[in-house]
C-alpha atoms as a PDB file:
ATOM      1  CA  UNK A   1     288.938  23.861 126.421  1.00  0.00           C
ATOM      2  CA  UNK A   2     290.625  22.212 129.461  1.00  0.00           C
ATOM      3  CA  UNK A   3     288.046  23.584 131.802  1.00  0.00           C
ATOM      4  CA  UNK A   4     285.095  22.396 129.737  1.00  0.00           C
ATOM      5  CA  UNK A   5     286.639  19.047 129.620  1.00  0.00           C
ATOM      6  CA  UNK A   6     286.999  18.907 133.149  1.00  0.00           C
ATOM      7  CA  UNK A   7     283.449  20.032 133.742  1.00  0.00           C
ATOM      8  CA  UNK A   8     282.374  17.348 131.660  1.00  0.00           C
ATOM      9  CA  UNK A   9     284.766  14.593 133.459  1.00  0.00           C
ATOM     10  CA  UNK A  10     282.128  12.978 135.738  1.00  0.00           C
ATOM     11  CA  UNK A  11     279.689  12.599 133.046  1.00  0.00           C
ATOM     12  CA  UNK A  12     282.232  10.971 130.504  1.00  0.00           C
ATOM     13  CA  UNK A  13     283.464   8.343 133.526  1.00  0.00           C
ATOM     14  CA  UNK A  14     279.489   7.935 134.340  1.00  0.00           C
ATOM     15  CA  UNK A  15     279.204   6.963 130.494  1.00  0.00           C
ATOM     16  CA  UNK A  16     282.411   4.497 130.533  1.00  0.00           C
ATOM     17  CA  UNK A  17     280.942   3.197 133.772  1.00  0.00           C
ATOM     18  CA  UNK A  18     277.585   2.516 132.099  1.00  0.00           C
ATOM     19  CA  UNK A  19     278.910   0.805 129.079  1.00  0.00           C
ATOM     20  CA  UNK A  20     281.500  -1.390 130.655  1.00  0.00           C
ATOM     21  CA  UNK A  21     278.540  -2.584 133.408  1.00  0.00           C
ATOM     22  CA  UNK A  22     276.223  -3.222 130.510  1.00  0.00           C
ATOM     23  CA  UNK A  23     278.436  -5.339 128.671  1.00  0.00           C
ATOM     24  CA  UNK A  24     279.541  -7.361 131.609  1.00  0.00           C
ATOM     25  CA  UNK A  25     276.069  -7.834 132.683  1.00  0.00           C
ATOM     26  CA  UNK A  26     275.348  -9.229 129.092  1.00  0.00           C
ATOM     27  CA  UNK A  27     277.985 -11.813 129.592  1.00  0.00           C
ATOM     28  CA  UNK A  28     276.580 -12.866 132.558  1.00  0.00           C
ATOM     29  CA  UNK A  29     272.993 -13.112 131.011  1.00  0.00           C
ATOM     30  CA  UNK A  30     274.446 -14.986 128.187  1.00  0.00           C
ATOM     31  CA  UNK A  31     275.939 -17.332 129.945  1.00  0.00           C
ATOM     32  CA  UNK A  32     273.235 -17.903 132.610  1.00  0.00           C
ATOM     33  CA  UNK A  33     270.249 -17.884 130.571  1.00  0.00           C
ATOM     34  CA  UNK A  34     271.364 -18.502 126.941  1.00  0.00           C
ATOM     35  CA  UNK A  35     270.311 -14.790 125.522  1.00  0.00           C
ATOM     36  CA  UNK A  36     272.501 -13.012 123.387  1.00  0.00           C
ATOM     37  CA  UNK A  37     273.566 -15.891 121.772  1.00  0.00           C
ATOM     38  CA  UNK A  38     274.405 -17.897 125.043  1.00  0.00           C
ATOM     39  CA  UNK A  39     277.439 -19.176 126.630  1.00  0.00           C
ATOM     40  CA  UNK A  40     280.492 -19.726 124.442  1.00  0.00           C
ATOM     41  CA  UNK A  41     278.419 -19.786 121.156  1.00  0.00           C
ATOM     42  CA  UNK A  42     275.221 -21.127 122.694  1.00  0.00           C
ATOM     43  CA  UNK A  43     273.325 -22.520 125.785  1.00  0.00           C
ATOM     44  CA  UNK A  44     273.818 -21.835 129.367  1.00  0.00           C
ATOM     45  CA  UNK A  45     276.433 -22.573 131.959  1.00  0.00           C
ATOM     46  CA  UNK A  46     275.099 -25.643 134.064  1.00  0.00           C
ATOM     47  CA  UNK A  47     273.856 -24.182 137.634  1.00  0.00           C
ATOM     48  CA  UNK A  48     276.668 -24.554 140.410  1.00  0.00           C
ATOM     49  CA  UNK A  49     279.747 -25.647 138.366  1.00  0.00           C
ATOM     50  CA  UNK A  50     282.727 -24.111 139.424  1.00  0.00           C
ATOM     51  CA  UNK A  51     283.898 -21.414 137.965  1.00  0.00           C
ATOM     52  CA  UNK A  52     281.824 -20.826 135.315  1.00  0.00           C
ATOM     53  CA  UNK A  53     278.463 -20.400 137.011  1.00  0.00           C
ATOM     54  CA  UNK A  54     279.762 -18.661 139.511  1.00  0.00           C
ATOM     55  CA  UNK A  55     281.572 -16.043 137.138  1.00  0.00           C
ATOM     56  CA  UNK A  56     278.319 -15.732 135.147  1.00  0.00           C
ATOM     57  CA  UNK A  57     276.481 -14.399 138.518  1.00  0.00           C
ATOM     58  CA  UNK A  58     279.200 -12.224 139.415  1.00  0.00           C
ATOM     59  CA  UNK A  59     279.385 -10.708 135.933  1.00  0.00           C
ATOM     60  CA  UNK A  60     275.376 -10.358 136.023  1.00  0.00           C
ATOM     61  CA  UNK A  61     274.878  -8.760 139.276  1.00  0.00           C
ATOM     62  CA  UNK A  62     278.159  -6.814 139.555  1.00  0.00           C
ATOM     63  CA  UNK A  63     277.494  -5.533 136.073  1.00  0.00           C
ATOM     64  CA  UNK A  64     273.866  -4.290 136.701  1.00  0.00           C
ATOM     65  CA  UNK A  65     275.172  -2.718 140.036  1.00  0.00           C
ATOM     66  CA  UNK A  66     277.924  -1.066 137.851  1.00  0.00           C
ATOM     67  CA  UNK A  67     275.860  -0.135 135.159  1.00  0.00           C
ATOM     68  CA  UNK A  68     273.338   1.544 137.648  1.00  0.00           C
ATOM     69  CA  UNK A  69     276.142   3.122 139.920  1.00  0.00           C
ATOM     70  CA  UNK A  70     274.983   1.477 142.920  1.00  0.00           C
ATOM     71  CA  UNK A  71     277.793   0.255 145.250  1.00  0.00           C
ATOM     72  CA  UNK A  72     280.084   0.714 142.611  1.00  0.00           C
ATOM     73  CA  UNK A  73     283.541   0.674 144.157  1.00  0.00           C
ATOM     74  CA  UNK A  74     282.908  -2.777 145.930  1.00  0.00           C
ATOM     75  CA  UNK A  75     280.882  -4.356 142.782  1.00  0.00           C
ATOM     76  CA  UNK A  76     284.065  -3.433 140.557  1.00  0.00           C
ATOM     77  CA  UNK A  77     286.381  -4.380 143.197  1.00  0.00           C
ATOM     78  CA  UNK A  78     284.721  -7.844 143.165  1.00  0.00           C
ATOM     79  CA  UNK A  79     284.523  -7.759 139.252  1.00  0.00           C
ATOM     80  CA  UNK A  80     287.832  -6.770 138.742  1.00  0.00           C
ATOM     81  CA  UNK A  81     288.948  -9.826 141.119  1.00  0.00           C
ATOM     82  CA  UNK A  82     286.958 -12.421 139.064  1.00  0.00           C
ATOM     83  CA  UNK A  83     288.403 -11.197 135.713  1.00  0.00           C
ATOM     84  CA  UNK A  84     292.052 -11.304 137.030  1.00  0.00           C
ATOM     85  CA  UNK A  85     291.021 -14.851 138.483  1.00  0.00           C
ATOM     86  CA  UNK A  86     289.770 -15.656 134.927  1.00  0.00           C
ATOM     87  CA  UNK A  87     292.874 -14.498 133.254  1.00  0.00           C
ATOM     88  CA  UNK A  88     295.344 -15.899 135.282  1.00  0.00           C
ATOM     89  CA  UNK A  89     293.512 -19.289 135.650  1.00  0.00           C
ATOM     90  CA  UNK A  90     291.898 -19.879 132.045  1.00  0.00           C
ATOM     91  CA  UNK A  91     294.095 -17.660 130.008  1.00  0.00           C
ATOM     92  CA  UNK A  92     297.364 -17.024 130.933  1.00  0.00           C
ATOM     93  CA  UNK A  93     298.389 -20.790 131.017  1.00  0.00           C
ATOM     94  CA  UNK A  94     297.958 -20.850 127.463  1.00  0.00           C
ATOM     95  CA  UNK A  95     300.612 -18.189 126.272  1.00  0.00           C
ATOM     96  CA  UNK A  96     302.101 -15.065 128.013  1.00  0.00           C
ATOM     97  CA  UNK A  97     300.355 -12.589 126.266  1.00  0.00           C
ATOM     98  CA  UNK A  98     296.558 -11.602 126.233  1.00  0.00           C
ATOM     99  CA  UNK A  99     296.666 -11.513 122.444  1.00  0.00           C
ATOM    100  CA  UNK A 100     298.037 -14.853 122.057  1.00  0.00           C
ATOM    101  CA  UNK A 101     295.901 -16.430 124.685  1.00  0.00           C
ATOM    102  CA  UNK A 102     292.863 -15.229 124.069  1.00  0.00           C
ATOM    103  CA  UNK A 103     292.251 -13.094 127.357  1.00  0.00           C
ATOM    104  CA  UNK A 104     292.068  -9.647 125.784  1.00  0.00           C
ATOM    105  CA  UNK A 105     288.390  -9.321 127.096  1.00  0.00           C
ATOM    106  CA  UNK A 106     289.356 -10.404 130.791  1.00  0.00           C
ATOM    107  CA  UNK A 107     292.361  -8.250 130.622  1.00  0.00           C
ATOM    108  CA  UNK A 108     290.340  -5.213 129.852  1.00  0.00           C
ATOM    109  CA  UNK A 109     287.425  -5.707 132.118  1.00  0.00           C
ATOM    110  CA  UNK A 110     289.959  -6.278 134.920  1.00  0.00           C
ATOM    111  CA  UNK A 111     291.535  -2.874 134.416  1.00  0.00           C
ATOM    112  CA  UNK A 112     288.374  -1.488 133.606  1.00  0.00           C
ATOM    113  CA  UNK A 113     287.158  -2.297 136.810  1.00  0.00           C
ATOM    114  CA  UNK A 114     290.025  -1.649 138.625  1.00  0.00           C
ATOM    115  CA  UNK A 115     289.744   2.155 137.134  1.00  0.00           C
ATOM    116  CA  UNK A 116     286.503   2.482 138.730  1.00  0.00           C
ATOM    117  CA  UNK A 117     287.290   1.159 142.135  1.00  0.00           C
ATOM    118  CA  UNK A 118     289.950   4.379 142.171  1.00  0.00           C
ATOM    119  CA  UNK A 119     287.731   7.166 140.484  1.00  0.00           C
ATOM    120  CA  UNK A 120     284.314   6.003 141.505  1.00  0.00           C
ATOM    121  CA  UNK A 121     280.927   6.034 140.043  1.00  0.00           C
ATOM    122  CA  UNK A 122     281.366   9.143 138.015  1.00  0.00           C
ATOM    123  CA  UNK A 123     278.035  11.279 137.229  1.00  0.00           C
ATOM    124  CA  UNK A 124     274.884   9.376 136.564  1.00  0.00           C
ATOM    125  CA  UNK A 125     275.054   7.113 139.687  1.00  0.00           C
ATOM    126  CA  UNK A 126     272.704   6.180 141.939  1.00  0.00           C
ATOM    127  CA  UNK A 127     275.228   6.316 144.651  1.00  0.00           C
ATOM    128  CA  UNK A 128     274.957   9.954 144.517  1.00  0.00           C
ATOM    129  CA  UNK A 129     270.946   9.761 145.235  1.00  0.00           C
ATOM    130  CA  UNK A 130     271.013   7.012 148.190  1.00  0.00           C
ATOM    131  CA  UNK A 131     275.092   7.866 149.760  1.00  0.00           C
ATOM    132  CA  UNK A 132     274.488  11.592 148.995  1.00  0.00           C
ATOM    133  CA  UNK A 133     277.969  11.519 147.407  1.00  0.00           C
ATOM    134  CA  UNK A 134     279.483  14.014 144.384  1.00  0.00           C
ATOM    135  CA  UNK A 135     280.499  12.489 141.262  1.00  0.00           C
ATOM    136  CA  UNK A 136     283.944  12.160 142.314  1.00  0.00           C
ATOM    137  CA  UNK A 137     282.421   9.554 145.454  1.00  0.00           C
ATOM    138  CA  UNK A 138     283.290  11.873 148.140  1.00  0.00           C
ATOM    139  CA  UNK A 139     280.908  12.924 150.679  1.00  0.00           C
ATOM    140  CA  UNK A 140     278.881  16.288 150.281  1.00  0.00           C
ATOM    141  CA  UNK A 141     280.233  19.298 152.212  1.00  0.00           C
ATOM    142  CA  UNK A 142     276.991  19.339 154.185  1.00  0.00           C
ATOM    143  CA  UNK A 143     277.220  16.028 155.014  1.00  0.00           C
ATOM    144  CA  UNK A 144     280.472  16.235 156.265  1.00  0.00           C
ATOM    145  CA  UNK A 145     279.773  19.311 158.393  1.00  0.00           C
ATOM    146  CA  UNK A 146     276.895  17.397 160.225  1.00  0.00           C
ATOM    147  CA  UNK A 147     279.156  14.694 161.118  1.00  0.00           C
ATOM    148  CA  UNK A 148     281.643  17.225 162.503  1.00  0.00           C
ATOM    149  CA  UNK A 149     284.270  16.188 160.074  1.00  0.00           C
ATOM    150  CA  UNK A 150     286.221  19.480 158.642  1.00  0.00           C
ATOM    151  CA  UNK A 151     285.792  20.334 155.133  1.00  0.00           C
ATOM    152  CA  UNK A 152     288.498  21.960 152.941  1.00  0.00           C
ATOM    153  CA  UNK A 153     287.231  25.012 151.538  1.00  0.00           C
END
């Protein structure tokens, strides 16, 4: 059983990445374009306003990159940082705990993206096609050997 679960791990991580990226991109699209109910119940965020418009751009761009698995670690780093900022700037001053201050979404996105920074994109990612990396984000053995890097057996 453990062996089968271990073999499926890159694909489960890939599905996690896809869902998190899609949800994050939807937040950005709602704020920027007014789709899916718009920003905070309707409408859009005025262009160039701090921090809402910039956060929405980060959500849309980084969410899309994480969704397709392209530049996943860098996009997840930026997304995680933006959600940490959102939590501590907008939510935490209201109350200590996320349940009290309405910051559950910001906290969950922050930690989900932090996980992707360390795990990489998993399976089903464009990073694997363009960067010639395995689902864990490591260079493939043949690429490492061509560059003279020793590869452990």
